[in-house]
């Protein structure tokens, strides 16, 4: 339901266990299941299908067979009814760079210090990408997020702190792209899949 961030992802190699169209609801719940210690060694993971032959769940069993979780998938009809076909025509990217881990940490410090602010603004100044958080009439912070960038932003644009930091905290090679047209995209390549997180 939250359309503030759009994810487009492709695996580098096909996952042959998945055929057809299925939805993965509540990825946070799936992440919890995948990190349960009961499933670390010799776990059995199987899929089930419905009467139409579509995958409808993933079943996790521990090695002893005495601990189980069932993760329900969304059927193709529900997926198609929930998600309208979305096409994103990539704009001209005015700024693009690979963020450094130390700069992502600096961003986290500012977000913690100004945790009541939901948005941050980006701007360019003398080859640097700067970030501002807060209200000039109250609590505010700013810092240089990336030095030596090519390109400039003519507009000061606002982005959601929580979503951007969540993506920047993912493991993998990252690139940040910003357009004056009003779009920010962060690409993450985990080695297994390539993800594009798009924020308008």
C-alpha atoms as a PDB file:
ATOM      1  CA  UNK A   1       0.000   0.000   0.000  1.00  0.00           C
ATOM      2  CA  UNK A   2       2.945   2.325   0.614  1.00  0.00           C
ATOM      3  CA  UNK A   3       3.976   3.568  -2.819  1.00  0.00           C
ATOM      4  CA  UNK A   4       6.724   5.902  -1.593  1.00  0.00           C
ATOM      5  CA  UNK A   5       9.374   3.485  -2.817  1.00  0.00           C
ATOM      6  CA  UNK A   6       9.304   1.225  -5.879  1.00  0.00           C
ATOM      7  CA  UNK A   7      11.540  -1.831  -6.121  1.00  0.00           C
ATOM      8  CA  UNK A   8      12.565  -3.434  -9.397  1.00  0.00           C
ATOM      9  CA  UNK A   9      14.855  -6.444  -9.041  1.00  0.00           C
ATOM     10  CA  UNK A  10      16.276  -9.156 -11.249  1.00  0.00           C
ATOM     11  CA  UNK A  11      18.265 -12.220 -10.246  1.00  0.00           C
ATOM     12  CA  UNK A  12      21.496 -12.709 -12.191  1.00  0.00           C
ATOM     13  CA  UNK A  13      20.500 -16.357 -12.732  1.00  0.00           C
ATOM     14  CA  UNK A  14      17.014 -17.821 -12.930  1.00  0.00           C
ATOM     15  CA  UNK A  15      15.582 -19.335  -9.737  1.00  0.00           C
ATOM     16  CA  UNK A  16      14.165 -22.557 -11.154  1.00  0.00           C
ATOM     17  CA  UNK A  17      12.059 -23.303  -8.037  1.00  0.00           C
ATOM     18  CA  UNK A  18       9.833 -20.324  -8.844  1.00  0.00           C
ATOM     19  CA  UNK A  19       7.586 -20.518 -11.898  1.00  0.00           C
ATOM     20  CA  UNK A  20       4.747 -18.247 -12.877  1.00  0.00           C
ATOM     21  CA  UNK A  21       3.694 -15.121 -11.005  1.00  0.00           C
ATOM     22  CA  UNK A  22       3.676 -15.100  -7.206  1.00  0.00           C
ATOM     23  CA  UNK A  23       3.728 -12.314  -4.654  1.00  0.00           C
ATOM     24  CA  UNK A  24       5.945 -12.168  -1.581  1.00  0.00           C
ATOM     25  CA  UNK A  25       3.881 -10.292   1.030  1.00  0.00           C
ATOM     26  CA  UNK A  26       5.392  -8.995   4.257  1.00  0.00           C
ATOM     27  CA  UNK A  27       9.083  -9.365   3.425  1.00  0.00           C
ATOM     28  CA  UNK A  28       9.946  -8.440   7.021  1.00  0.00           C
ATOM     29  CA  UNK A  29       8.204 -11.626   8.223  1.00  0.00           C
ATOM     30  CA  UNK A  30      10.039 -13.724   5.635  1.00  0.00           C
ATOM     31  CA  UNK A  31      13.319 -12.184   6.777  1.00  0.00           C
ATOM     32  CA  UNK A  32      12.567 -13.162  10.387  1.00  0.00           C
ATOM     33  CA  UNK A  33      11.808 -16.744   9.352  1.00  0.00           C
ATOM     34  CA  UNK A  34      15.023 -16.956   7.322  1.00  0.00           C
ATOM     35  CA  UNK A  35      17.102 -15.860  10.324  1.00  0.00           C
ATOM     36  CA  UNK A  36      15.612 -18.293  12.879  1.00  0.00           C
ATOM     37  CA  UNK A  37      18.495 -20.454  14.208  1.00  0.00           C
ATOM     38  CA  UNK A  38      16.320 -23.603  13.964  1.00  0.00           C
ATOM     39  CA  UNK A  39      16.754 -23.462  10.174  1.00  0.00           C
ATOM     40  CA  UNK A  40      20.547 -22.967  10.073  1.00  0.00           C
ATOM     41  CA  UNK A  41      21.527 -26.607   9.559  1.00  0.00           C
ATOM     42  CA  UNK A  42      19.829 -29.358   7.553  1.00  0.00           C
ATOM     43  CA  UNK A  43      16.523 -27.527   7.307  1.00  0.00           C
ATOM     44  CA  UNK A  44      13.928 -28.699   4.812  1.00  0.00           C
ATOM     45  CA  UNK A  45      12.413 -25.953   2.647  1.00  0.00           C
ATOM     46  CA  UNK A  46       9.617 -26.937   0.277  1.00  0.00           C
ATOM     47  CA  UNK A  47       6.910 -25.212  -1.694  1.00  0.00           C
ATOM     48  CA  UNK A  48       3.263 -26.199  -1.965  1.00  0.00           C
ATOM     49  CA  UNK A  49       0.847 -25.567  -4.810  1.00  0.00           C
ATOM     50  CA  UNK A  50      -2.870 -24.880  -4.962  1.00  0.00           C
ATOM     51  CA  UNK A  51      -5.526 -26.611  -7.114  1.00  0.00           C
ATOM     52  CA  UNK A  52      -4.532 -24.421 -10.100  1.00  0.00           C
ATOM     53  CA  UNK A  53      -0.924 -25.616  -9.897  1.00  0.00           C
ATOM     54  CA  UNK A  54       0.338 -22.221  -8.655  1.00  0.00           C
ATOM     55  CA  UNK A  55       2.807 -21.990  -5.789  1.00  0.00           C
ATOM     56  CA  UNK A  56       0.906 -20.892  -2.701  1.00  0.00           C
ATOM     57  CA  UNK A  57       3.338 -21.300   0.211  1.00  0.00           C
ATOM     58  CA  UNK A  58       6.876 -22.034   1.312  1.00  0.00           C
ATOM     59  CA  UNK A  59       7.193 -24.496   4.208  1.00  0.00           C
ATOM     60  CA  UNK A  60      10.219 -24.422   6.520  1.00  0.00           C
ATOM     61  CA  UNK A  61      10.986 -27.437   8.734  1.00  0.00           C
ATOM     62  CA  UNK A  62      13.985 -27.772  11.043  1.00  0.00           C
ATOM     63  CA  UNK A  63      16.257 -30.849  10.914  1.00  0.00           C
ATOM     64  CA  UNK A  64      14.345 -32.649  13.698  1.00  0.00           C
ATOM     65  CA  UNK A  65      10.952 -31.979  12.139  1.00  0.00           C
ATOM     66  CA  UNK A  66       9.639 -30.420  15.345  1.00  0.00           C
ATOM     67  CA  UNK A  67       9.734 -26.717  14.357  1.00  0.00           C
ATOM     68  CA  UNK A  68       7.875 -25.357  11.333  1.00  0.00           C
ATOM     69  CA  UNK A  69       6.814 -22.129   9.661  1.00  0.00           C
ATOM     70  CA  UNK A  70       4.548 -21.700   6.655  1.00  0.00           C
ATOM     71  CA  UNK A  71       5.003 -18.526   4.611  1.00  0.00           C
ATOM     72  CA  UNK A  72       1.966 -17.880   2.404  1.00  0.00           C
ATOM     73  CA  UNK A  73       2.479 -16.458  -1.087  1.00  0.00           C
ATOM     74  CA  UNK A  74       0.074 -14.231  -2.989  1.00  0.00           C
ATOM     75  CA  UNK A  75      -1.548 -15.830  -6.030  1.00  0.00           C
ATOM     76  CA  UNK A  76      -1.169 -14.312  -9.478  1.00  0.00           C
ATOM     77  CA  UNK A  77      -4.757 -12.946  -9.537  1.00  0.00           C
ATOM     78  CA  UNK A  78      -4.211 -11.060  -6.280  1.00  0.00           C
ATOM     79  CA  UNK A  79      -0.804  -9.817  -7.399  1.00  0.00           C
ATOM     80  CA  UNK A  80      -2.262  -8.478 -10.648  1.00  0.00           C
ATOM     81  CA  UNK A  81      -5.169  -6.802  -8.824  1.00  0.00           C
ATOM     82  CA  UNK A  82      -2.903  -5.150  -6.216  1.00  0.00           C
ATOM     83  CA  UNK A  83      -0.130  -3.943  -8.478  1.00  0.00           C
ATOM     84  CA  UNK A  84      -0.988  -1.785 -11.430  1.00  0.00           C
ATOM     85  CA  UNK A  85       1.460  -2.008 -14.276  1.00  0.00           C
ATOM     86  CA  UNK A  86       4.048   0.589 -13.457  1.00  0.00           C
ATOM     87  CA  UNK A  87       6.500   1.847 -15.999  1.00  0.00           C
ATOM     88  CA  UNK A  88       9.304   4.115 -14.907  1.00  0.00           C
ATOM     89  CA  UNK A  89      10.910   6.092 -17.695  1.00  0.00           C
ATOM     90  CA  UNK A  90      14.349   6.847 -16.370  1.00  0.00           C
ATOM     91  CA  UNK A  91      15.091  10.563 -16.492  1.00  0.00           C
ATOM     92  CA  UNK A  92      18.458  12.131 -17.215  1.00  0.00           C
ATOM     93  CA  UNK A  93      20.477  11.527 -14.059  1.00  0.00           C
ATOM     94  CA  UNK A  94      22.165  14.785 -13.074  1.00  0.00           C
ATOM     95  CA  UNK A  95      24.277  13.263 -10.299  1.00  0.00           C
ATOM     96  CA  UNK A  96      25.536   9.713  -9.855  1.00  0.00           C
ATOM     97  CA  UNK A  97      28.077   8.267  -7.444  1.00  0.00           C
ATOM     98  CA  UNK A  98      29.006   5.188  -5.412  1.00  0.00           C
ATOM     99  CA  UNK A  99      28.452   6.104  -1.745  1.00  0.00           C
ATOM    100  CA  UNK A 100      31.245   5.341   0.696  1.00  0.00           C
ATOM    101  CA  UNK A 101      30.506   3.319   3.855  1.00  0.00           C
ATOM    102  CA  UNK A 102      31.917   6.104   6.080  1.00  0.00           C
ATOM    103  CA  UNK A 103      29.539   8.636   4.509  1.00  0.00           C
ATOM    104  CA  UNK A 104      26.551   6.338   4.980  1.00  0.00           C
ATOM    105  CA  UNK A 105      27.523   6.124   8.662  1.00  0.00           C
ATOM    106  CA  UNK A 106      27.679   9.943   8.860  1.00  0.00           C
ATOM    107  CA  UNK A 107      24.162  10.038   7.392  1.00  0.00           C
ATOM    108  CA  UNK A 108      23.003   7.621  10.119  1.00  0.00           C
ATOM    109  CA  UNK A 109      24.490   9.874  12.815  1.00  0.00           C
ATOM    110  CA  UNK A 110      22.579  12.905  11.491  1.00  0.00           C
ATOM    111  CA  UNK A 111      19.354  10.886  11.189  1.00  0.00           C
ATOM    112  CA  UNK A 112      19.714   9.747  14.820  1.00  0.00           C
ATOM    113  CA  UNK A 113      20.465  13.262  16.057  1.00  0.00           C
ATOM    114  CA  UNK A 114      17.416  14.636  14.199  1.00  0.00           C
ATOM    115  CA  UNK A 115      15.153  11.586  14.438  1.00  0.00           C
ATOM    116  CA  UNK A 116      11.928  13.614  14.469  1.00  0.00           C
ATOM    117  CA  UNK A 117      12.528  14.693  10.844  1.00  0.00           C
ATOM    118  CA  UNK A 118      11.019  12.459   8.177  1.00  0.00           C
ATOM    119  CA  UNK A 119      12.689  14.149   5.193  1.00  0.00           C
ATOM    120  CA  UNK A 120      16.123  15.329   4.155  1.00  0.00           C
ATOM    121  CA  UNK A 121      17.194  17.594   1.285  1.00  0.00           C
ATOM    122  CA  UNK A 122      19.994  17.162  -1.252  1.00  0.00           C
ATOM    123  CA  UNK A 123      21.926  19.867  -3.062  1.00  0.00           C
ATOM    124  CA  UNK A 124      25.258  20.261  -4.832  1.00  0.00           C
ATOM    125  CA  UNK A 125      27.941  22.770  -3.908  1.00  0.00           C
ATOM    126  CA  UNK A 126      31.410  23.013  -5.507  1.00  0.00           C
ATOM    127  CA  UNK A 127      31.568  19.382  -6.554  1.00  0.00           C
ATOM    128  CA  UNK A 128      30.066  18.061  -3.312  1.00  0.00           C
ATOM    129  CA  UNK A 129      26.666  16.533  -2.620  1.00  0.00           C
ATOM    130  CA  UNK A 130      25.334  18.012   0.614  1.00  0.00           C
ATOM    131  CA  UNK A 131      22.536  16.747   2.833  1.00  0.00           C
ATOM    132  CA  UNK A 132      20.401  18.890   5.142  1.00  0.00           C
ATOM    133  CA  UNK A 133      18.042  17.560   7.793  1.00  0.00           C
ATOM    134  CA  UNK A 134      15.778  19.612  10.018  1.00  0.00           C
ATOM    135  CA  UNK A 135      14.246  23.043  10.193  1.00  0.00           C
ATOM    136  CA  UNK A 136      16.450  26.169  10.111  1.00  0.00           C
ATOM    137  CA  UNK A 137      14.204  27.735  12.775  1.00  0.00           C
ATOM    138  CA  UNK A 138      14.718  24.789  15.119  1.00  0.00           C
ATOM    139  CA  UNK A 139      17.061  21.789  15.179  1.00  0.00           C
ATOM    140  CA  UNK A 140      19.036  21.295  12.001  1.00  0.00           C
ATOM    141  CA  UNK A 141      22.052  19.406  10.688  1.00  0.00           C
ATOM    142  CA  UNK A 142      23.956  19.283   7.441  1.00  0.00           C
ATOM    143  CA  UNK A 143      27.008  17.507   6.091  1.00  0.00           C
ATOM    144  CA  UNK A 144      28.889  16.705   2.912  1.00  0.00           C
ATOM    145  CA  UNK A 145      27.637  13.280   1.868  1.00  0.00           C
ATOM    146  CA  UNK A 146      29.903  12.801  -1.152  1.00  0.00           C
ATOM    147  CA  UNK A 147      32.887  14.736  -2.449  1.00  0.00           C
ATOM    148  CA  UNK A 148      34.186  14.983  -6.002  1.00  0.00           C
ATOM    149  CA  UNK A 149      30.892  14.333  -7.763  1.00  0.00           C
ATOM    150  CA  UNK A 150      30.300  15.188 -11.398  1.00  0.00           C
ATOM    151  CA  UNK A 151      27.146  17.036 -12.324  1.00  0.00           C
ATOM    152  CA  UNK A 152      25.004  19.511 -10.420  1.00  0.00           C
ATOM    153  CA  UNK A 153      21.494  19.752  -9.045  1.00  0.00           C
ATOM    154  CA  UNK A 154      19.620  22.960  -9.782  1.00  0.00           C
ATOM    155  CA  UNK A 155      16.865  22.152  -7.282  1.00  0.00           C
ATOM    156  CA  UNK A 156      16.955  21.325  -3.591  1.00  0.00           C
ATOM    157  CA  UNK A 157      14.978  18.089  -3.460  1.00  0.00           C
ATOM    158  CA  UNK A 158      13.447  16.286  -0.455  1.00  0.00           C
ATOM    159  CA  UNK A 159      13.597  12.531   0.200  1.00  0.00           C
ATOM    160  CA  UNK A 160      12.351  10.235   3.004  1.00  0.00           C
ATOM    161  CA  UNK A 161      15.079   9.544   5.581  1.00  0.00           C
ATOM    162  CA  UNK A 162      13.848   6.105   6.690  1.00  0.00           C
ATOM    163  CA  UNK A 163      13.529   4.550   3.233  1.00  0.00           C
ATOM    164  CA  UNK A 164      16.805   5.928   1.879  1.00  0.00           C
ATOM    165  CA  UNK A 165      18.790   4.815   4.938  1.00  0.00           C
ATOM    166  CA  UNK A 166      17.203   1.365   4.819  1.00  0.00           C
ATOM    167  CA  UNK A 167      18.376   0.910   1.221  1.00  0.00           C
ATOM    168  CA  UNK A 168      21.830   2.372   1.869  1.00  0.00           C
ATOM    169  CA  UNK A 169      22.230  -0.109   4.761  1.00  0.00           C
ATOM    170  CA  UNK A 170      21.800  -3.149   2.496  1.00  0.00           C
ATOM    171  CA  UNK A 171      24.801  -5.326   1.661  1.00  0.00           C
ATOM    172  CA  UNK A 172      26.185  -5.023  -1.861  1.00  0.00           C
ATOM    173  CA  UNK A 173      27.689  -2.581  -4.315  1.00  0.00           C
ATOM    174  CA  UNK A 174      25.627   0.614  -4.434  1.00  0.00           C
ATOM    175  CA  UNK A 175      25.170   3.570  -6.757  1.00  0.00           C
ATOM    176  CA  UNK A 176      23.053   6.665  -6.051  1.00  0.00           C
ATOM    177  CA  UNK A 177      21.455   8.543  -8.956  1.00  0.00           C
ATOM    178  CA  UNK A 178      19.565  11.827  -8.552  1.00  0.00           C
ATOM    179  CA  UNK A 179      17.629  13.782 -11.178  1.00  0.00           C
ATOM    180  CA  UNK A 180      16.380  17.359 -11.059  1.00  0.00           C
ATOM    181  CA  UNK A 181      13.214  15.925 -12.623  1.00  0.00           C
ATOM    182  CA  UNK A 182      12.374  14.692  -9.103  1.00  0.00           C
ATOM    183  CA  UNK A 183      13.642  11.124  -8.888  1.00  0.00           C
ATOM    184  CA  UNK A 184      16.223   9.326  -6.794  1.00  0.00           C
ATOM    185  CA  UNK A 185      17.352   5.795  -7.550  1.00  0.00           C
ATOM    186  CA  UNK A 186      19.682   3.618  -5.520  1.00  0.00           C
ATOM    187  CA  UNK A 187      20.982   0.485  -7.207  1.00  0.00           C
ATOM    188  CA  UNK A 188      22.274  -2.404  -5.110  1.00  0.00           C
ATOM    189  CA  UNK A 189      24.072  -5.416  -6.581  1.00  0.00           C
ATOM    190  CA  UNK A 190      24.312  -8.209  -4.019  1.00  0.00           C
ATOM    191  CA  UNK A 191      26.123 -10.577  -6.363  1.00  0.00           C
ATOM    192  CA  UNK A 192      22.961 -12.709  -6.548  1.00  0.00           C
ATOM    193  CA  UNK A 193      20.562 -10.042  -7.797  1.00  0.00           C
ATOM    194  CA  UNK A 194      20.513  -6.435  -8.975  1.00  0.00           C
ATOM    195  CA  UNK A 195      18.002  -4.157  -7.240  1.00  0.00           C
ATOM    196  CA  UNK A 196      16.737  -0.716  -8.251  1.00  0.00           C
ATOM    197  CA  UNK A 197      15.034   1.275  -5.487  1.00  0.00           C
ATOM    198  CA  UNK A 198      13.216   4.272  -6.970  1.00  0.00           C
ATOM    199  CA  UNK A 199      11.859   7.195  -4.938  1.00  0.00           C
ATOM    200  CA  UNK A 200       9.890  10.009  -6.571  1.00  0.00           C
END
